[in-house]
Amino acid sequence: MLDPNSELWEIFTRKEEYSPIKLDKHDRFNYAASKYRNSFKPVVSEFLLSEGINVVYPDNKKFAVCLTHDIDDIYPPLSHILSSFLYCLKSFDYNSFMPQILWKIKGNDHSPYLNFKEIMNIEQKYDAKSSFYFITAKEDPVRFRYDIEEIGHELGNIVDNECEVGLHGGYYTYNSLQSMKEEKKRLEKTLGKDVIGYRNHYLRFKIPDTWELLVKAGFKYDTTLGYDDMIGFRNGMCHPFNPYNLNSQEAIDILEIPLIIMDGALFSITRSLNEAFESCKKLIDTAEKYNGVITLLWHNAPFSWPIRKNWKLLYEKILKYCYDKNAWMTSGEEIYKWWTKECKLQIYPS
């Protein structure tokens, strides 16, 4: 469907990332380094729909929202506790600070960052469910994160609420097949079921290598492909797709559900809650226009971190906005199952 000699093909395959001129300190390719500067326009999806592609969703929903949460921490680190103390001291809001410290007295089970039920309750108000990606890596450049075995009951509760548990690959995992397999096995052992979804920590990713490794490790979908320094459509797609390896000239047998809006990236480019919401609405309206899937990443910490209370408020505003538009709001696992069964985009040249 796409001309392999066209600019759209280069955008879709992320050709410029095969030999990047500049990477950031985490070896990521950022929006700032890209020559394609319109991340708010899904040019590839736009073209595919103009060629007659028809995308359908359950119950005749016009578009879908893939809700995801990266669980970087389950206990507030010292930096969060200190920032919360200073913020609450300044605002005289001592009640909001207390959960940040009382868990150290009451025990780990009382950590405010074990807030998955709260997140699911918010989503259930809007007939939505989501994916939670947990870390099982032992190494991290910033701090030790957590032992997944300590919260097996929390994982079970997530699954019991018809949400998904996936793997949040460690900082060093994106280019290590052995690490992917080990981390996946550890999570599955704790969870008691197979894990099919993946997103890498810090959004570290190497095209096309990471995709190929994920296939070998047994994952069915990935949702890492998004920018750390910008929101929008990294490869011009507002639809899930099978990536294409320009080296082997073959499609890769994994579904990419591209990441469109990450909380940190969003608030790094906007100056207020209202501005952030307006930016989100533009992308949501675009996904609706093209019958697309818009993927949100909201970390769990902002739901219980006083200094990030606007992030929590915005998340619920987005859910309501999408609910009022009659969107299908669901997990990456459900998107994968539907897409691979019902939706086949003809993207590659014959």
Protein backbone atom coordinates (compact mmCIF):
# COMPACT_ATOMS: atom_id res chain seq x y z
CA MET A 1 0.00 0.00 0.00
CA LEU A 2 2.81 2.43 0.86
CA ASP A 3 5.33 3.30 -1.85
CA PRO A 4 8.77 2.16 -0.57
CA ASN A 5 10.35 5.15 -2.27
CA SER A 6 8.09 7.70 -0.60
CA GLU A 7 8.59 9.98 2.36
CA LEU A 8 5.62 8.32 4.05
CA TRP A 9 7.46 5.01 3.91
CA GLU A 10 10.50 6.60 5.56
CA ILE A 11 8.31 8.08 8.30
CA PHE A 12 6.44 4.83 8.88
CA THR A 13 9.57 2.64 9.05
CA ARG A 14 11.50 5.30 11.04
CA LYS A 15 14.32 5.11 8.50
CA GLU A 16 16.15 8.05 10.09
CA GLU A 17 16.53 6.04 13.30
CA TYR A 18 18.58 3.30 11.63
CA SER A 19 21.61 5.61 11.54
CA PRO A 20 20.80 8.35 14.07
CA ILE A 21 23.04 11.40 14.13
CA LYS A 22 22.24 12.26 17.73
CA LEU A 23 20.93 10.34 20.74
CA ASP A 24 20.25 11.70 24.21
CA LYS A 25 22.03 10.66 27.41
CA HIS A 26 19.83 7.56 27.64
CA ASP A 27 20.63 6.58 24.04
CA ARG A 28 17.12 7.52 22.91
CA PHE A 29 16.16 9.11 19.62
CA ASN A 30 14.21 12.24 20.54
CA TYR A 31 11.75 14.39 18.65
CA ALA A 32 14.30 17.20 18.79
CA ALA A 33 16.60 15.12 16.56
CA SER A 34 13.94 14.24 13.97
CA LYS A 35 13.62 15.99 10.63
CA TYR A 36 9.87 15.34 10.67
CA ARG A 37 8.39 18.11 12.78
CA ASN A 38 4.63 17.56 12.72
CA SER A 39 3.93 14.99 15.42
CA PHE A 40 0.31 16.09 15.75
CA LYS A 41 -0.60 14.82 12.28
CA PRO A 42 -0.78 11.05 11.62
CA VAL A 43 0.23 11.37 7.98
CA VAL A 44 0.60 7.64 7.35
CA SER A 45 -2.76 6.72 8.86
CA GLU A 46 -4.35 9.60 6.96
CA PHE A 47 -3.01 8.20 3.69
CA LEU A 48 -4.09 4.63 4.46
CA LEU A 49 -7.65 5.72 5.19
CA SER A 50 -7.72 7.78 2.00
CA GLU A 51 -6.90 4.53 0.17
CA GLY A 52 -10.04 2.92 1.52
CA ILE A 53 -8.88 1.21 4.72
CA ASN A 54 -11.83 0.61 7.04
CA VAL A 55 -11.19 0.25 10.77
CA VAL A 56 -13.90 -1.07 13.07
CA TYR A 57 -14.13 -1.45 16.84
CA PRO A 58 -16.49 -3.30 19.20
CA ASP A 59 -20.06 -1.98 19.42
CA ASN A 60 -19.38 0.32 16.47
CA LYS A 61 -17.15 2.60 18.52
CA LYS A 62 -15.48 5.17 16.28
CA PHE A 63 -12.05 5.11 17.95
CA ALA A 64 -10.18 3.50 20.82
CA VAL A 65 -8.12 4.65 23.78
CA CYS A 66 -5.41 2.34 25.09
CA LEU A 67 -4.91 3.13 28.78
CA THR A 68 -1.55 2.20 30.28
CA HIS A 69 0.45 2.72 33.46
CA ASP A 70 4.17 2.21 33.96
CA ILE A 71 4.82 1.19 37.56
CA ASP A 72 8.26 2.68 38.18
CA ASP A 73 7.87 2.74 41.97
CA ILE A 74 5.61 1.05 44.49
CA TYR A 75 7.16 2.87 47.47
CA PRO A 76 7.79 6.64 47.43
CA PRO A 77 11.53 7.23 47.02
CA LEU A 78 13.25 9.79 49.20
CA SER A 79 13.18 12.42 46.44
CA HIS A 80 9.38 12.13 46.23
CA ILE A 81 8.98 12.34 49.99
CA LEU A 82 11.12 15.46 50.22
CA SER A 83 9.38 17.19 47.31
CA SER A 84 5.99 16.33 48.82
CA PHE A 85 7.06 17.75 52.18
CA LEU A 86 8.18 21.05 50.68
CA TYR A 87 5.08 21.32 48.49
CA CYS A 88 2.67 20.58 51.33
CA LEU A 89 4.55 22.87 53.72
CA LYS A 90 4.24 25.73 51.27
CA SER A 91 0.52 25.12 50.77
CA PHE A 92 -0.20 24.25 54.43
CA ASP A 93 -1.67 20.96 53.21
CA TYR A 94 -0.30 18.62 55.87
CA ASN A 95 -2.99 15.97 55.37
CA SER A 96 -1.78 15.27 51.84
CA PHE A 97 1.75 14.72 53.08
CA MET A 98 0.94 12.23 55.82
CA PRO A 99 0.47 9.15 53.56
CA GLN A 100 3.93 9.81 52.13
CA ILE A 101 5.53 9.07 55.50
CA LEU A 102 3.06 7.00 57.55
CA TRP A 103 3.58 3.88 55.46
CA LYS A 104 7.11 3.65 56.86
CA ILE A 105 5.51 3.19 60.28
CA LYS A 106 2.51 1.07 59.28
CA GLY A 107 4.37 -1.14 56.82
CA ASN A 108 4.94 -1.56 53.09
CA ASP A 109 1.34 -2.63 52.43
CA HIS A 110 0.28 0.91 53.30
CA SER A 111 2.48 2.58 50.67
CA PRO A 112 0.51 5.30 48.86
CA TYR A 113 1.98 4.11 45.57
CA LEU A 114 0.19 0.77 45.87
CA ASN A 115 -2.73 2.68 44.38
CA PHE A 116 -3.78 0.35 41.58
CA LYS A 117 -7.28 -0.14 42.99
CA GLU A 118 -7.78 3.63 43.14
CA ILE A 119 -6.71 3.94 39.50
CA MET A 120 -9.04 1.13 38.43
CA ASN A 121 -11.93 2.68 40.37
CA ILE A 122 -11.45 5.96 38.50
CA GLU A 123 -11.42 4.12 35.18
CA GLN A 124 -14.46 2.02 36.02
CA LYS A 125 -16.49 5.21 36.40
CA TYR A 126 -15.99 5.66 32.65
CA ASP A 127 -16.42 2.01 31.62
CA ALA A 128 -12.67 1.73 31.04
CA LYS A 129 -9.90 -0.71 31.89
CA SER A 130 -6.16 -0.51 31.50
CA SER A 131 -2.72 -2.14 31.41
CA PHE A 132 -0.22 -2.01 34.27
CA TYR A 133 3.42 -2.64 33.32
CA PHE A 134 5.63 -3.82 36.20
CA ILE A 135 9.42 -3.87 36.55
CA THR A 136 11.18 -7.12 37.42
CA ALA A 137 14.73 -6.08 36.45
CA LYS A 138 17.30 -6.20 39.22
CA GLU A 139 19.47 -3.37 37.89
CA ASP A 140 18.56 0.30 37.52
CA PRO A 141 20.84 3.35 37.10
CA VAL A 142 18.86 5.53 39.53
CA ARG A 143 17.78 3.27 42.42
CA PHE A 144 16.54 -0.18 43.24
CA ARG A 145 12.86 -0.27 42.31
CA TYR A 146 11.07 -3.20 43.98
CA ASP A 147 10.74 -6.96 44.21
CA ILE A 148 7.71 -8.05 42.22
CA GLU A 149 7.19 -11.07 44.51
CA GLU A 150 6.18 -8.72 47.34
CA ILE A 151 3.00 -7.67 45.55
CA GLY A 152 1.69 -10.85 43.98
CA HIS A 153 -1.72 -10.22 45.58
CA GLU A 154 -1.85 -6.78 43.92
CA LEU A 155 -1.21 -8.35 40.50
CA GLY A 156 -3.99 -10.84 41.14
CA ASN A 157 -6.39 -8.03 42.01
CA ILE A 158 -5.57 -6.24 38.76
CA VAL A 159 -6.34 -9.34 36.72
CA ASP A 160 -9.50 -10.00 38.75
CA ASN A 161 -10.68 -6.54 37.69
CA GLU A 162 -10.22 -7.50 34.02
CA CYS A 163 -7.18 -5.28 33.59
CA GLU A 164 -3.81 -6.39 32.23
CA VAL A 165 -0.43 -6.99 33.81
CA GLY A 166 2.48 -6.53 31.41
CA LEU A 167 6.24 -6.16 31.64
CA HIS A 168 7.99 -2.84 32.06
CA GLY A 169 11.38 -3.89 30.72
CA GLY A 170 14.34 -2.65 32.74
CA TYR A 171 16.60 0.23 31.77
CA TYR A 172 19.17 -2.12 30.21
CA THR A 173 16.69 -4.60 28.77
CA TYR A 174 15.80 -3.06 25.40
CA ASN A 175 18.81 -4.63 23.66
CA SER A 176 19.17 -7.85 25.69
CA LEU A 177 17.23 -10.97 24.77
CA GLN A 178 18.40 -12.76 27.91
CA SER A 179 17.11 -9.95 30.13
CA MET A 180 13.77 -9.90 28.34
CA LYS A 181 13.32 -13.62 28.86
CA GLU A 182 14.41 -13.55 32.49
CA GLU A 183 12.23 -10.58 33.41
CA LYS A 184 9.23 -12.02 31.59
CA LYS A 185 9.66 -15.38 33.34
CA ARG A 186 9.91 -13.73 36.76
CA LEU A 187 6.72 -11.73 36.21
CA GLU A 188 4.82 -14.73 34.86
CA LYS A 189 5.87 -16.85 37.82
CA THR A 190 4.52 -14.24 40.23
CA LEU A 191 1.39 -13.58 38.19
CA GLY A 192 0.60 -17.20 37.40
CA LYS A 193 -0.17 -16.58 33.74
CA ASP A 194 1.48 -15.62 30.46
CA VAL A 195 2.48 -12.02 29.81
CA ILE A 196 2.10 -10.67 26.25
CA GLY A 197 2.55 -6.88 26.57
CA TYR A 198 5.72 -4.81 26.90
CA ARG A 199 7.00 -1.29 27.33
CA ASN A 200 10.63 -0.46 28.11
CA HIS A 201 11.70 1.70 31.04
CA TYR A 202 12.66 5.28 30.05
CA LEU A 203 11.19 4.46 26.60
CA ARG A 204 14.60 3.12 25.61
CA PHE A 205 14.28 1.45 22.21
CA LYS A 206 16.44 0.60 19.22
CA ILE A 207 14.80 0.26 15.82
CA PRO A 208 14.42 -2.42 14.53
CA ASP A 209 16.46 -4.50 17.00
CA THR A 210 14.19 -4.22 20.04
CA TRP A 211 11.16 -5.40 18.08
CA GLU A 212 13.05 -8.44 16.81
CA LEU A 213 14.22 -9.32 20.33
CA LEU A 214 10.70 -8.98 21.72
CA VAL A 215 9.44 -11.51 19.17
CA LYS A 216 12.14 -13.97 20.21
CA ALA A 217 11.28 -13.40 23.88
CA GLY A 218 7.65 -14.34 23.23
CA PHE A 219 5.88 -10.99 23.47
CA LYS A 220 2.85 -10.32 21.28
CA TYR A 221 2.73 -6.54 21.39
CA ASP A 222 4.85 -3.55 22.36
CA THR A 223 3.83 -0.01 23.23
CA THR A 224 7.16 1.79 23.66
CA LEU A 225 7.21 3.72 20.37
CA GLY A 226 6.67 7.28 21.55
CA TYR A 227 8.82 10.30 22.30
CA ASP A 228 10.15 11.25 25.72
CA ASP A 229 10.28 14.93 24.74
CA MET A 230 7.07 15.29 22.69
CA ILE A 231 3.57 13.91 22.38
CA GLY A 232 2.01 12.78 19.14
CA PHE A 233 2.51 10.28 16.34
CA ARG A 234 6.17 9.27 16.14
CA ASN A 235 5.86 7.35 12.87
CA GLY A 236 2.76 8.99 11.44
CA MET A 237 0.49 6.22 12.70
CA CYS A 238 -2.53 6.52 14.96
CA HIS A 239 -3.24 2.82 14.46
CA PRO A 240 -1.52 -0.34 15.71
CA PHE A 241 0.74 -1.92 13.11
CA ASN A 242 3.29 -4.62 12.44
CA PRO A 243 6.73 -2.95 12.10
CA TYR A 244 8.91 -3.44 9.05
CA ASN A 245 12.62 -4.27 9.20
CA LEU A 246 14.46 -2.34 6.48
CA ASN A 247 17.53 -4.53 6.94
CA SER A 248 15.82 -7.86 6.32
CA GLN A 249 13.07 -6.35 4.12
CA GLU A 250 10.46 -8.23 6.13
CA ALA A 251 7.59 -7.43 8.44
CA ILE A 252 8.17 -8.15 12.13
CA ASP A 253 5.69 -10.46 13.84
CA ILE A 254 4.76 -8.18 16.72
CA LEU A 255 2.01 -5.60 17.04
CA GLU A 256 3.17 -2.09 17.90
CA ILE A 257 0.53 0.00 19.68
CA PRO A 258 2.28 3.37 19.42
CA LEU A 259 2.50 5.56 22.49
CA ILE A 260 0.89 8.95 21.82
CA ILE A 261 0.68 10.82 25.14
CA MET A 262 2.98 10.28 28.13
CA ASP A 263 2.25 12.34 31.24
CA GLY A 264 5.83 13.55 31.72
CA ALA A 265 6.32 14.53 28.08
CA LEU A 266 2.97 16.32 28.05
CA PHE A 267 3.69 18.48 31.07
CA SER A 268 7.23 19.20 29.86
CA ILE A 269 5.87 21.00 26.77
CA THR A 270 2.83 22.70 28.34
CA ARG A 271 2.64 25.36 31.04
CA SER A 272 -0.72 24.70 32.67
CA LEU A 273 -3.42 22.10 33.23
CA ASN A 274 -5.67 23.81 30.69
CA GLU A 275 -2.95 23.96 28.04
CA ALA A 276 -2.15 20.30 28.61
CA PHE A 277 -5.82 19.37 28.26
CA GLU A 278 -6.17 21.34 25.03
CA SER A 279 -3.17 19.52 23.57
CA CYS A 280 -4.68 16.19 24.54
CA LYS A 281 -8.03 17.10 23.02
CA LYS A 282 -6.36 17.88 19.69
CA LEU A 283 -4.77 14.46 19.57
CA ILE A 284 -7.92 12.71 20.75
CA ASP A 285 -10.02 14.50 18.15
CA THR A 286 -7.49 13.48 15.51
CA ALA A 287 -7.64 9.84 16.56
CA GLU A 288 -11.43 10.02 16.39
CA LYS A 289 -11.29 11.60 12.90
CA TYR A 290 -9.15 8.76 11.57
CA ASN A 291 -10.79 5.93 13.56
CA GLY A 292 -7.50 5.46 15.38
CA VAL A 293 -6.14 4.28 18.70
CA ILE A 294 -4.67 6.84 21.08
CA THR A 295 -2.40 5.38 23.76
CA LEU A 296 -2.01 7.14 27.10
CA LEU A 297 0.77 6.52 29.61
CA TRP A 298 0.03 7.75 33.13
CA HIS A 299 2.47 6.56 35.79
CA ASN A 300 0.96 5.41 39.07
CA ALA A 301 2.93 7.84 41.26
CA PRO A 302 1.01 11.01 40.23
CA PHE A 303 -2.21 9.52 41.61
CA SER A 304 -0.72 9.72 45.13
CA TRP A 305 2.05 12.31 44.85
CA PRO A 306 0.85 15.74 46.08
CA ILE A 307 3.16 17.69 43.78
CA ARG A 308 1.58 15.95 40.77
CA LYS A 309 -2.08 16.38 41.70
CA ASN A 310 -2.79 18.19 38.41
CA TRP A 311 -1.64 15.11 36.53
CA LYS A 312 -4.27 13.03 38.31
CA LEU A 313 -6.95 15.66 37.63
CA LEU A 314 -6.05 15.74 33.95
CA TYR A 315 -6.23 11.97 33.63
CA GLU A 316 -9.83 11.93 34.77
CA LYS A 317 -10.68 14.89 32.52
CA ILE A 318 -9.30 12.94 29.57
CA LEU A 319 -11.30 9.84 30.52
CA LYS A 320 -14.49 11.88 30.71
CA TYR A 321 -13.76 13.60 27.39
CA CYS A 322 -13.25 10.25 25.67
CA TYR A 323 -16.24 8.68 27.42
CA ASP A 324 -18.46 11.49 26.18
CA LYS A 325 -17.18 10.75 22.67
CA ASN A 326 -18.18 7.10 23.10
CA ALA A 327 -14.62 5.81 22.77
CA TRP A 328 -13.61 2.22 23.45
CA MET A 329 -11.26 2.63 26.43
CA THR A 330 -9.38 -0.53 27.20
CA SER A 331 -6.08 -2.29 27.81
CA GLY A 332 -3.27 -3.07 25.43
CA GLU A 333 -4.13 -6.75 25.68
CA GLU A 334 -7.70 -6.15 24.50
CA ILE A 335 -6.51 -3.88 21.69
CA TYR A 336 -4.09 -6.62 20.59
CA LYS A 337 -6.76 -9.33 20.63
CA TRP A 338 -9.23 -7.24 18.66
CA TRP A 339 -6.74 -5.88 16.19
CA THR A 340 -5.15 -9.18 15.27
CA LYS A 341 -8.56 -10.78 14.83
CA GLU A 342 -10.64 -8.05 13.21
CA CYS A 343 -8.35 -5.38 11.73
CA LYS A 344 -5.74 -5.97 9.05
CA LEU A 345 -4.02 -2.87 7.67
CA GLN A 346 -2.38 -3.42 4.30
CA ILE A 347 0.70 -1.23 4.68
CA TYR A 348 3.59 -2.99 2.99
CA PRO A 349 4.40 -2.90 -0.72
CA SER A 350 3.51 -6.09 -2.55
